[in-house]
N, C-alpha and C. Protein backbone atom coordinates (compact mmCIF):
# COMPACT_ATOMS: atom_id res chain seq x y z
N MET A 1 -41.52 91.88 19.37
CA MET A 1 -41.28 91.09 18.34
C MET A 1 -41.85 91.30 17.20
N GLU A 2 -42.16 91.27 16.38
CA GLU A 2 -43.12 91.64 15.37
C GLU A 2 -44.17 90.81 14.96
N LEU A 3 -45.23 91.33 14.11
CA LEU A 3 -47.00 89.72 14.15
C LEU A 3 -45.98 89.01 13.39
N THR A 4 -45.65 89.50 12.39
CA THR A 4 -45.34 89.29 10.76
C THR A 4 -43.75 88.09 11.27
N SER A 5 -42.61 88.21 12.05
CA SER A 5 -41.75 87.24 12.75
C SER A 5 -42.76 85.69 13.68
N VAL A 6 -43.45 86.55 14.04
CA VAL A 6 -44.46 85.64 15.23
C VAL A 6 -44.66 84.51 14.29
N THR A 7 -45.79 84.65 13.40
CA THR A 7 -46.39 84.44 12.14
C THR A 7 -45.60 83.40 11.57
N ALA A 8 -44.54 83.97 11.19
CA ALA A 8 -43.95 83.20 10.23
C ALA A 8 -42.91 81.92 10.95
N ARG A 9 -42.77 81.98 12.30
CA ARG A 9 -42.42 81.17 13.19
C ARG A 9 -43.06 79.80 13.37
N LEU A 10 -44.71 80.59 13.57
CA LEU A 10 -45.53 79.55 13.51
C LEU A 10 -46.01 78.70 12.65
N SER A 11 -46.35 79.68 11.57
CA SER A 11 -45.85 78.87 10.52
C SER A 11 -45.03 77.71 9.78
N ARG A 12 -43.57 78.06 10.22
CA ARG A 12 -42.42 76.95 10.26
C ARG A 12 -42.85 75.66 10.90
N TRP A 13 -43.27 75.94 12.29
CA TRP A 13 -43.10 75.44 12.86
C TRP A 13 -44.74 74.44 12.76
N ILE A 14 -45.39 74.44 12.23
CA ILE A 14 -46.57 74.05 12.18
C ILE A 14 -46.66 73.17 10.80
N SER A 15 -45.33 73.57 10.23
CA SER A 15 -45.02 72.80 8.18
C SER A 15 -44.55 71.30 9.09
N ASP A 16 -43.54 71.40 10.07
CA ASP A 16 -42.94 69.83 10.39
C ASP A 16 -44.58 69.06 11.35
N SER A 17 -44.46 67.69 10.17
CA SER A 17 -45.91 66.93 10.39
C SER A 17 -45.87 66.53 12.37
N ARG A 18 -44.44 66.62 12.76
CA ARG A 18 -44.52 65.55 14.15
C ARG A 18 -45.27 66.89 14.52
N LYS A 19 -44.54 68.20 14.20
CA LYS A 19 -44.92 69.48 15.73
C LYS A 19 -46.75 69.95 15.10
N ARG A 20 -46.70 69.14 13.87
CA ARG A 20 -48.70 69.86 14.15
C ARG A 20 -49.44 68.59 14.67
N THR A 21 -49.09 67.67 14.67
CA THR A 21 -49.73 66.61 15.37
C THR A 21 -49.86 67.02 17.31
N ASN A 22 -48.92 67.45 17.44
CA ASN A 22 -48.76 67.60 18.93
C ASN A 22 -49.37 69.02 19.20
N LEU A 23 -49.33 70.53 18.12
CA LEU A 23 -50.33 70.94 18.10
C LEU A 23 -52.05 71.15 18.15
N MET A 24 -52.27 69.67 17.21
CA MET A 24 -53.51 69.32 16.95
C MET A 24 -53.98 68.45 18.53
N ILE A 25 -53.08 68.01 18.71
CA ILE A 25 -53.44 66.93 20.80
C ILE A 25 -53.50 68.59 21.75
N MET A 26 -52.55 69.37 21.83
CA MET A 26 -52.80 70.07 22.59
C MET A 26 -54.04 71.00 22.28
N LEU A 27 -54.37 71.11 21.05
CA LEU A 27 -55.83 71.91 21.16
C LEU A 27 -57.20 71.20 21.32
N ALA A 28 -56.76 69.64 21.24
CA ALA A 28 -57.75 68.74 21.45
C ALA A 28 -57.89 69.00 22.85
N GLY A 29 -56.65 69.11 23.42
CA GLY A 29 -56.74 68.85 25.26
C GLY A 29 -57.42 69.99 25.86
N CYS A 30 -56.74 71.09 24.84
CA CYS A 30 -57.68 72.31 25.35
C CYS A 30 -58.90 72.70 25.39
N ALA A 31 -59.13 71.71 24.11
CA ALA A 31 -60.77 71.69 24.19
C ALA A 31 -61.91 71.08 25.13
N VAL A 32 -61.11 70.19 25.32
CA VAL A 32 -61.75 68.81 26.62
C VAL A 32 -61.63 69.69 27.54
N LEU A 33 -60.37 70.60 28.04
CA LEU A 33 -60.51 72.09 29.17
C LEU A 33 -61.22 72.12 29.52
N LEU A 34 -61.71 72.62 28.16
CA LEU A 34 -63.32 73.58 27.95
C LEU A 34 -64.47 72.86 28.46
N ILE A 35 -64.57 71.97 27.44
CA ILE A 35 -66.00 71.53 28.04
C ILE A 35 -65.98 70.80 29.18
N LEU A 36 -65.34 70.64 30.37
CA LEU A 36 -64.87 70.03 31.61
C LEU A 36 -65.35 71.06 32.47
N LEU A 37 -64.56 72.41 31.90
CA LEU A 37 -65.16 73.85 33.06
C LEU A 37 -66.48 73.48 32.67
N SER A 38 -66.86 73.80 31.48
CA SER A 38 -67.74 74.21 31.62
C SER A 38 -68.80 73.46 31.93
N ASP A 39 -69.01 72.49 32.13
CA ASP A 39 -69.44 71.59 32.79
C ASP A 39 -69.61 71.68 34.30
N CYS A 40 -68.60 71.81 35.22
CA CYS A 40 -68.59 72.86 36.65
C CYS A 40 -69.38 74.00 36.19
N SER A 41 -69.47 74.39 35.81
CA SER A 41 -70.02 76.41 36.13
C SER A 41 -70.94 76.11 37.12
N GLY A 42 -71.65 76.80 37.66
CA GLY A 42 -72.77 76.94 38.61
C GLY A 42 -74.22 76.76 37.98
N SER A 43 -74.60 76.99 36.38
CA SER A 43 -75.33 77.42 36.31
C SER A 43 -76.40 75.87 35.59
N GLY A 44 -76.07 75.30 35.60
CA GLY A 44 -76.09 73.64 34.20
C GLY A 44 -76.26 72.76 36.13
N GLU A 45 -75.38 72.66 37.01
CA GLU A 45 -75.43 72.24 38.19
C GLU A 45 -76.71 72.65 39.42
N ARG A 46 -76.38 73.91 39.09
CA ARG A 46 -77.62 74.68 40.31
C ARG A 46 -78.61 73.79 39.67
N GLN A 47 -79.49 73.67 38.32
CA GLN A 47 -80.54 73.50 37.58
C GLN A 47 -80.82 71.37 37.95
N SER A 48 -79.91 71.25 37.69
CA SER A 48 -79.97 69.89 38.08
C SER A 48 -80.14 69.03 39.26
N THR A 49 -79.04 70.07 40.20
CA THR A 49 -79.21 70.10 41.52
C THR A 49 -80.75 70.25 42.62
N MET A 50 -81.36 71.21 41.98
CA MET A 50 -82.89 71.71 42.09
C MET A 50 -83.47 70.78 41.70
N GLU A 51 -83.72 70.02 40.69
CA GLU A 51 -84.60 68.82 40.50
C GLU A 51 -84.12 68.26 41.03
N ASP A 52 -83.29 67.33 41.26
CA ASP A 52 -83.27 65.96 42.03
C ASP A 52 -83.32 66.59 43.39
N SER A 53 -83.03 68.02 44.14
CA SER A 53 -83.51 67.96 45.68
C SER A 53 -84.98 68.08 44.87
N SER A 54 -85.40 68.73 44.70
CA SER A 54 -87.04 68.38 44.70
C SER A 54 -87.59 67.28 44.39
N ALA A 55 -87.62 66.34 43.48
CA ALA A 55 -87.88 65.42 43.95
C ALA A 55 -87.76 64.33 45.48
N ALA A 56 -86.40 64.35 45.87
CA ALA A 56 -86.01 64.16 47.25
C ALA A 56 -86.95 64.88 47.79
N VAL A 57 -86.99 65.80 47.87
CA VAL A 57 -88.06 66.22 49.03
C VAL A 57 -89.22 65.83 48.93
N TYR A 58 -89.81 65.48 47.63
CA TYR A 58 -91.29 64.76 47.40
C TYR A 58 -91.14 63.62 48.12
N ALA A 59 -90.40 63.14 47.30
CA ALA A 59 -90.16 61.75 48.61
C ALA A 59 -90.06 61.53 50.18
N SER A 60 -89.57 62.30 50.51
CA SER A 60 -88.90 62.08 51.65
C SER A 60 -90.64 63.06 52.59
N GLN A 61 -91.12 63.21 51.69
CA GLN A 61 -92.92 64.50 52.73
C GLN A 61 -93.59 63.18 52.66
N LEU A 62 -93.31 62.34 51.51
CA LEU A 62 -94.49 61.46 51.22
C LEU A 62 -93.86 60.13 52.19
N GLU A 63 -92.48 59.73 52.46
CA GLU A 63 -92.63 58.94 53.39
C GLU A 63 -92.47 59.43 54.47
N GLU A 64 -92.88 60.63 55.07
CA GLU A 64 -93.45 60.93 56.71
C GLU A 64 -94.54 60.89 56.75
N ARG A 65 -95.38 60.97 55.70
CA ARG A 65 -96.97 61.75 56.04
C ARG A 65 -96.96 59.95 56.12
N LEU A 66 -96.58 58.64 54.68
CA LEU A 66 -96.93 57.54 54.96
C LEU A 66 -96.50 56.76 56.72
N GLU A 67 -95.63 57.05 57.14
CA GLU A 67 -95.03 57.07 58.66
C GLU A 67 -96.40 57.21 59.46
N GLN A 68 -96.60 58.40 59.70
CA GLN A 68 -97.55 58.46 60.44
C GLN A 68 -98.83 58.35 60.18
N MET A 69 -99.12 57.94 59.50
CA MET A 69 -100.31 56.88 58.96
C MET A 69 -100.15 55.35 59.28
N ILE A 70 -99.34 54.99 59.08
CA ILE A 70 -99.14 53.52 59.15
C ILE A 70 -99.02 53.30 60.74
N SER A 71 -98.36 54.23 61.44
CA SER A 71 -97.87 54.26 62.41
C SER A 71 -99.64 54.10 63.44
N CYS A 72 -100.60 54.92 63.34
CA CYS A 72 -101.61 54.81 63.55
C CYS A 72 -102.88 53.63 63.36
N VAL A 73 -102.22 53.29 62.09
CA VAL A 73 -102.68 51.06 62.13
C VAL A 73 -102.67 50.86 63.50
N GLU A 74 -103.74 49.85 64.53
CA GLU A 74 -103.53 49.19 65.28
C GLU A 74 -102.38 48.19 64.88
N GLY A 75 -101.74 48.08 65.71
CA GLY A 75 -101.10 46.50 65.98
C GLY A 75 -99.69 47.18 64.95
N ALA A 76 -99.48 47.89 64.17
CA ALA A 76 -98.44 48.16 63.40
C ALA A 76 -97.10 49.11 63.93
N GLY A 77 -97.05 49.83 64.95
CA GLY A 77 -96.00 50.02 66.11
C GLY A 77 -95.72 51.12 64.95
N GLN A 78 -94.30 51.50 65.13
CA GLN A 78 -93.41 52.83 64.72
C GLN A 78 -92.76 52.02 63.06
N SER A 79 -93.16 52.29 62.67
CA SER A 79 -92.66 52.26 61.07
C SER A 79 -91.53 52.84 60.09
N ARG A 80 -90.88 52.46 59.96
CA ARG A 80 -90.43 53.28 58.45
C ARG A 80 -90.17 52.77 56.98
N VAL A 81 -90.58 53.69 55.83
CA VAL A 81 -90.92 53.91 55.29
C VAL A 81 -89.52 54.43 54.19
N MET A 82 -89.54 53.89 52.75
CA MET A 82 -88.55 54.12 51.77
C MET A 82 -89.60 54.22 50.20
N ILE A 83 -89.48 55.61 50.20
CA ILE A 83 -89.83 55.19 48.58
C ILE A 83 -89.40 55.87 47.36
N THR A 84 -89.46 55.02 46.65
CA THR A 84 -88.83 55.00 45.28
C THR A 84 -90.08 56.07 44.39
N LEU A 85 -89.10 56.32 43.27
CA LEU A 85 -89.81 57.53 43.02
C LEU A 85 -89.37 56.72 40.78
N GLN A 86 -90.20 56.95 40.37
CA GLN A 86 -89.76 56.70 38.96
C GLN A 86 -89.52 57.30 38.19
N ASN A 87 -89.58 58.42 37.95
CA ASN A 87 -88.72 60.26 37.47
C ASN A 87 -88.81 61.04 37.94
N GLY A 88 -87.84 62.06 38.07
CA GLY A 88 -87.72 63.27 38.48
C GLY A 88 -89.38 63.98 38.26
N GLY A 89 -90.53 63.64 37.45
CA GLY A 89 -91.24 64.74 37.44
C GLY A 89 -91.10 66.00 36.48
N GLU A 90 -92.49 66.09 36.15
CA GLU A 90 -92.43 66.87 34.32
C GLU A 90 -93.02 68.40 34.82
N TYR A 91 -92.77 69.48 33.99
CA TYR A 91 -93.09 70.52 33.92
C TYR A 91 -94.76 70.41 32.76
N VAL A 92 -95.29 71.34 32.97
CA VAL A 92 -96.40 72.05 32.34
C VAL A 92 -96.37 72.79 31.30
N TYR A 93 -95.92 73.34 29.95
CA TYR A 93 -95.73 74.84 30.45
C TYR A 93 -96.86 75.33 29.68
N ALA A 94 -97.33 76.46 29.86
CA ALA A 94 -98.77 77.19 29.03
C ALA A 94 -98.53 78.02 27.18
N ILE A 95 -99.54 77.44 26.75
CA ILE A 95 -99.01 77.89 25.81
C ILE A 95 -100.52 78.91 25.23
N GLU A 96 -99.64 79.53 24.29
CA GLU A 96 -100.47 80.61 23.54
C GLU A 96 -100.59 80.59 22.07
N ASP A 97 -102.31 80.51 21.76
CA ASP A 97 -102.87 79.75 20.21
C ASP A 97 -103.12 81.45 20.35
N SER A 98 -102.69 81.07 18.63
CA SER A 98 -103.34 82.91 17.87
C SER A 98 -103.64 82.35 16.62
N ILE A 99 -104.87 82.55 15.93
CA ILE A 99 -105.02 82.29 14.50
C ILE A 99 -104.93 83.57 14.05
N SER A 100 -104.63 84.27 12.32
CA SER A 100 -105.22 84.90 12.23
C SER A 100 -105.62 85.06 10.99
N THR A 101 -106.38 85.63 9.96
CA THR A 101 -107.47 85.32 9.02
C THR A 101 -107.15 86.29 8.63
N ASP A 102 -106.66 86.43 7.02
CA ASP A 102 -107.07 87.36 5.94
C ASP A 102 -107.33 86.99 5.02
N SER A 103 -108.43 88.08 5.01
CA SER A 103 -109.53 87.71 3.90
C SER A 103 -109.23 88.32 2.42
N SER A 104 -109.25 87.81 1.11
CA SER A 104 -109.17 88.53 -0.01
C SER A 104 -110.44 88.86 -1.32
N VAL A 105 -110.17 90.16 -1.85
CA VAL A 105 -111.16 89.49 -2.77
C VAL A 105 -110.71 90.55 -3.98
N SER A 106 -110.86 89.55 -5.28
CA SER A 106 -109.90 90.31 -6.38
C SER A 106 -110.80 89.72 -8.08
N THR A 107 -111.30 91.01 -8.63
CA THR A 107 -111.43 90.97 -9.68
C THR A 107 -110.16 90.54 -11.06
N ASP A 108 -111.15 89.54 -12.06
CA ASP A 108 -110.72 89.46 -12.81
C ASP A 108 -110.77 90.38 -14.07
N SER A 109 -110.23 89.83 -15.09
CA SER A 109 -109.78 91.28 -16.43
C SER A 109 -111.62 90.92 -16.96
N GLY A 110 -112.07 89.62 -16.65
CA GLY A 110 -113.17 89.94 -17.19
C GLY A 110 -115.13 90.03 -16.24
N GLY A 111 -114.29 90.74 -15.32
CA GLY A 111 -115.24 91.47 -14.72
C GLY A 111 -115.25 90.32 -13.30
N ARG A 112 -115.42 89.25 -12.81
CA ARG A 112 -115.36 88.33 -12.41
C ARG A 112 -114.96 88.15 -10.97
N GLN A 113 -115.77 88.39 -9.42
CA GLN A 113 -114.93 88.30 -8.50
C GLN A 113 -114.90 86.99 -8.14
N SER A 114 -113.98 86.71 -7.13
CA SER A 114 -113.11 85.90 -6.40
C SER A 114 -112.82 86.45 -5.05
N SER A 115 -113.26 85.56 -3.92
CA SER A 115 -113.05 85.74 -2.75
C SER A 115 -111.84 84.75 -2.36
N GLY A 116 -111.05 84.95 -0.82
CA GLY A 116 -110.49 83.80 -0.40
C GLY A 116 -110.09 83.83 0.80
N GLU A 117 -110.16 83.15 1.57
CA GLU A 117 -109.56 83.21 3.32
C GLU A 117 -108.85 82.67 3.44
N ARG A 118 -107.74 82.89 4.51
CA ARG A 118 -106.69 82.38 4.07
C ARG A 118 -106.64 82.42 5.66
N GLU A 119 -106.55 80.70 6.78
CA GLU A 119 -106.03 81.26 8.33
C GLU A 119 -104.76 80.17 8.84
N GLU A 120 -104.06 81.57 9.54
CA GLU A 120 -102.53 81.03 9.79
C GLU A 120 -103.13 80.57 11.44
N HIS A 121 -101.69 79.61 11.60
CA HIS A 121 -102.14 78.83 13.05
C HIS A 121 -101.03 79.02 13.99
N ARG A 122 -100.91 80.10 14.56
CA ARG A 122 -99.44 79.96 15.45
C ARG A 122 -99.94 79.41 17.08
N SER A 123 -98.53 78.72 17.40
CA SER A 123 -98.98 78.21 18.71
C SER A 123 -97.26 78.15 19.32
N GLY A 124 -97.44 78.44 20.47
CA GLY A 124 -95.62 78.81 20.98
C GLY A 124 -96.12 79.30 22.72
N TYR A 125 -94.53 78.43 23.40
CA TYR A 125 -95.10 78.94 25.19
C TYR A 125 -94.90 80.37 25.22
N ILE A 126 -95.67 80.70 26.29
CA ILE A 126 -95.70 81.72 26.75
C ILE A 126 -94.25 82.31 27.42
N ILE A 127 -93.91 83.05 27.16
CA ILE A 127 -92.29 83.61 27.93
C ILE A 127 -92.70 84.82 28.80
N ILE A 128 -91.86 84.33 30.06
CA ILE A 128 -92.20 85.35 31.40
C ILE A 128 -90.17 85.92 31.39
N ASP A 129 -90.04 87.46 31.81
CA ASP A 129 -89.17 87.73 32.12
C ASP A 129 -89.10 87.51 33.55
N THR A 130 -87.64 86.98 34.16
CA THR A 130 -87.33 85.74 35.70
C THR A 130 -85.88 87.10 35.35
N GLU A 131 -85.96 86.21 37.04
CA GLU A 131 -84.50 86.74 37.43
C GLU A 131 -83.13 86.21 37.04
N GLN A 132 -83.75 84.81 36.50
CA GLN A 132 -82.93 84.41 35.41
C GLN A 132 -82.68 84.51 34.24
N GLY A 133 -83.50 85.07 33.59
CA GLY A 133 -83.85 85.49 32.05
C GLY A 133 -85.02 85.19 31.84
N GLU A 134 -85.57 85.11 30.34
CA GLU A 134 -86.48 84.84 30.03
C GLU A 134 -86.86 83.25 30.07
N GLN A 135 -88.03 82.84 30.38
CA GLN A 135 -88.01 81.41 31.14
C GLN A 135 -89.70 81.32 30.34
N ALA A 136 -90.12 80.31 29.80
CA ALA A 136 -91.45 79.64 29.32
C ALA A 136 -91.82 79.62 31.18
N LEU A 137 -93.44 79.73 30.62
CA LEU A 137 -94.79 80.23 31.88
C LEU A 137 -94.91 78.45 32.04
N VAL A 138 -94.89 77.95 33.64
CA VAL A 138 -95.11 76.59 34.09
C VAL A 138 -96.54 76.75 34.36
N ARG A 139 -97.29 76.14 33.95
CA ARG A 139 -98.66 75.70 34.07
C ARG A 139 -98.97 74.86 35.12
N THR A 140 -98.48 73.50 34.91
CA THR A 140 -98.27 72.45 35.91
C THR A 140 -97.02 72.31 36.42
N GLU A 141 -96.72 71.62 37.48
CA GLU A 141 -95.72 70.67 37.72
C GLU A 141 -96.56 69.16 38.16
N LEU A 142 -96.02 68.53 37.28
CA LEU A 142 -96.44 66.86 37.37
C LEU A 142 -95.31 66.63 38.59
N MET A 143 -96.02 65.60 39.37
CA MET A 143 -95.55 65.18 40.77
C MET A 143 -94.67 63.93 39.73
N PRO A 144 -93.55 63.35 40.47
CA PRO A 144 -92.49 62.01 40.36
C PRO A 144 -93.55 60.86 40.69
N SER A 145 -94.04 59.37 39.68
CA SER A 145 -94.70 58.92 40.31
C SER A 145 -94.25 57.95 40.53
N VAL A 146 -95.06 57.30 41.63
CA VAL A 146 -93.58 56.01 42.77
C VAL A 146 -93.85 54.71 42.12
N SER A 147 -92.54 54.52 42.38
CA SER A 147 -92.08 53.32 41.60
C SER A 147 -92.01 51.85 42.68
N GLY A 148 -92.00 52.65 44.04
CA GLY A 148 -92.03 51.22 44.73
C GLY A 148 -92.32 51.44 46.19
N VAL A 149 -92.79 50.60 47.13
CA VAL A 149 -92.99 51.46 48.73
C VAL A 149 -92.53 50.22 49.38
N VAL A 150 -91.26 50.35 50.87
CA VAL A 150 -91.60 49.30 51.71
C VAL A 150 -91.14 50.25 52.79
N VAL A 151 -92.31 49.12 53.91
CA VAL A 151 -92.91 49.73 55.16
C VAL A 151 -91.81 48.57 56.28
N VAL A 152 -91.29 48.98 56.24
CA VAL A 152 -90.65 47.66 57.93
C VAL A 152 -91.15 48.27 59.65
N CYS A 153 -91.56 47.57 59.61
CA CYS A 153 -92.75 47.46 61.58
C CYS A 153 -92.64 46.58 61.96
N PRO A 154 -92.63 46.41 63.49
CA PRO A 154 -92.86 45.46 64.18
C PRO A 154 -94.10 44.72 63.90
N GLY A 155 -95.28 44.88 64.09
CA GLY A 155 -96.49 44.66 63.35
C GLY A 155 -96.99 44.03 62.58
N ALA A 156 -95.55 44.55 61.18
CA ALA A 156 -96.03 43.55 60.19
C ALA A 156 -96.17 41.56 59.87
N GLU A 157 -96.06 41.48 61.29
CA GLU A 157 -95.57 39.82 61.39
C GLU A 157 -97.51 39.03 61.55
N ASP A 158 -98.19 40.26 61.83
CA ASP A 158 -99.55 39.46 61.76
C ASP A 158 -99.92 40.02 60.29
N PRO A 159 -100.40 38.64 59.22
CA PRO A 159 -101.17 39.31 58.42
C PRO A 159 -101.94 40.33 58.35
N VAL A 160 -103.21 40.51 59.30
CA VAL A 160 -104.20 41.15 59.05
C VAL A 160 -103.54 42.83 59.60
N VAL A 161 -102.89 43.04 60.32
CA VAL A 161 -102.03 44.07 60.09
C VAL A 161 -101.32 44.25 59.11
N ALA A 162 -100.24 42.94 58.55
CA ALA A 162 -99.81 43.90 57.36
C ALA A 162 -100.81 44.28 55.65
N GLN A 163 -102.56 43.39 56.14
CA GLN A 163 -103.07 43.59 55.11
C GLN A 163 -103.50 45.21 55.32
N ARG A 164 -103.62 45.63 56.52
CA ARG A 164 -104.59 46.96 56.59
C ARG A 164 -103.12 47.69 56.23
N ILE A 165 -101.96 47.79 56.52
CA ILE A 165 -101.03 48.45 56.01
C ILE A 165 -101.11 49.04 54.66
N MET A 166 -100.79 47.24 53.56
CA MET A 166 -100.91 46.97 51.85
C MET A 166 -102.32 48.15 51.92
N SER A 167 -103.33 48.39 52.73
CA SER A 167 -104.23 48.40 52.17
C SER A 167 -104.18 50.77 51.87
N VAL A 168 -103.64 50.94 53.55
CA VAL A 168 -103.28 52.51 53.35
C VAL A 168 -102.34 52.55 52.71
N VAL A 169 -101.95 51.99 51.89
CA VAL A 169 -100.49 52.14 51.14
C VAL A 169 -100.99 52.58 49.96
N THR A 170 -101.60 51.88 49.59
CA THR A 170 -102.06 51.42 48.03
C THR A 170 -103.26 52.51 48.11
N THR A 171 -104.23 52.96 48.86
CA THR A 171 -104.58 54.06 48.89
C THR A 171 -104.60 55.79 48.79
N ALA A 172 -103.61 55.18 50.05
CA ALA A 172 -102.99 56.85 49.24
C ALA A 172 -101.90 57.22 48.10
N LEU A 173 -101.48 56.30 47.72
CA LEU A 173 -100.66 56.34 46.50
C LEU A 173 -101.17 56.14 45.87
N ASP A 174 -102.07 55.46 44.94
CA ASP A 174 -103.24 54.55 44.40
C ASP A 174 -102.29 54.01 42.96
N ILE A 175 -101.43 53.51 44.32
CA ILE A 175 -100.41 52.61 43.61
C ILE A 175 -100.89 51.09 43.67
N SER A 176 -100.18 50.12 42.51
CA SER A 176 -100.88 48.50 42.95
C SER A 176 -99.93 47.90 44.37
N PRO A 177 -100.71 47.21 44.01
CA PRO A 177 -100.11 46.17 45.80
C PRO A 177 -98.95 45.35 45.59
N LYS A 178 -98.44 45.08 44.27
CA LYS A 178 -97.47 44.69 43.26
C LYS A 178 -95.90 45.73 43.64
N ARG A 179 -96.23 47.07 44.10
CA ARG A 179 -95.22 47.71 44.38
C ARG A 179 -95.07 48.30 45.66
N VAL A 180 -95.76 47.67 46.05
CA VAL A 180 -95.39 47.56 48.12
C VAL A 180 -94.73 46.29 48.94
N CYS A 181 -93.82 46.63 49.36
CA CYS A 181 -93.51 45.45 50.69
C CYS A 181 -93.61 45.92 51.55
N ILE A 182 -93.93 44.91 52.64
CA ILE A 182 -93.72 45.30 53.87
C ILE A 182 -93.19 43.46 54.03
N THR A 183 -92.76 44.35 55.56
CA THR A 183 -91.49 43.33 56.14
C THR A 183 -91.73 43.76 57.87
N GLN A 184 -91.38 42.54 58.47
CA GLN A 184 -91.62 42.55 60.11
C GLN A 184 -89.73 43.50 60.32
N SER A 185 -89.66 44.38 61.14
CA SER A 185 -88.55 44.90 61.58
C SER A 185 -88.05 44.25 62.98
N THR A 186 -86.76 44.83 62.95
CA THR A 186 -86.12 43.54 63.83
C THR A 186 -86.22 44.19 65.18
N GLN A 187 -86.96 45.43 65.60
CA GLN A 187 -86.97 45.81 66.47
C GLN A 187 -88.20 45.14 67.24
């Protein structure tokens, strides 16, 4: 079949308004399918999973360390700790600042000299080559902030023990006592 005959058939088919509507619906469906397939690709999913797992690992490490500390409190017993995080952390990128100065001296027709100076400030991220391609250089990773802490232990029924646990948690995490819940376990 020749290209011109295919083009002619396609243009006749498109000229019918019902067929044109069907074609638009098919194209929209293809576009939605392509968007869904691109969202399922590995690169974007891998990055968000890495960020989520980084925050989860951080929370898990904090929980383990607090459980160890609380178990050392006299009368607390074996504790369970749950920590919720306020956000997923943040990266601070390295920035390169540069200043260029341009000086000029000019003489007008009357023999008078005038000089001028122009400074140009530029600022931008420092870019490095990695296995994943070019990326901005991370200067600091700010860990997620703690939103709340729940401590469950058998010794929490004693107000003195509960106050000691509260002091350990608020001091270790530098958070307000309003963000801490200490309760007795059923064991």
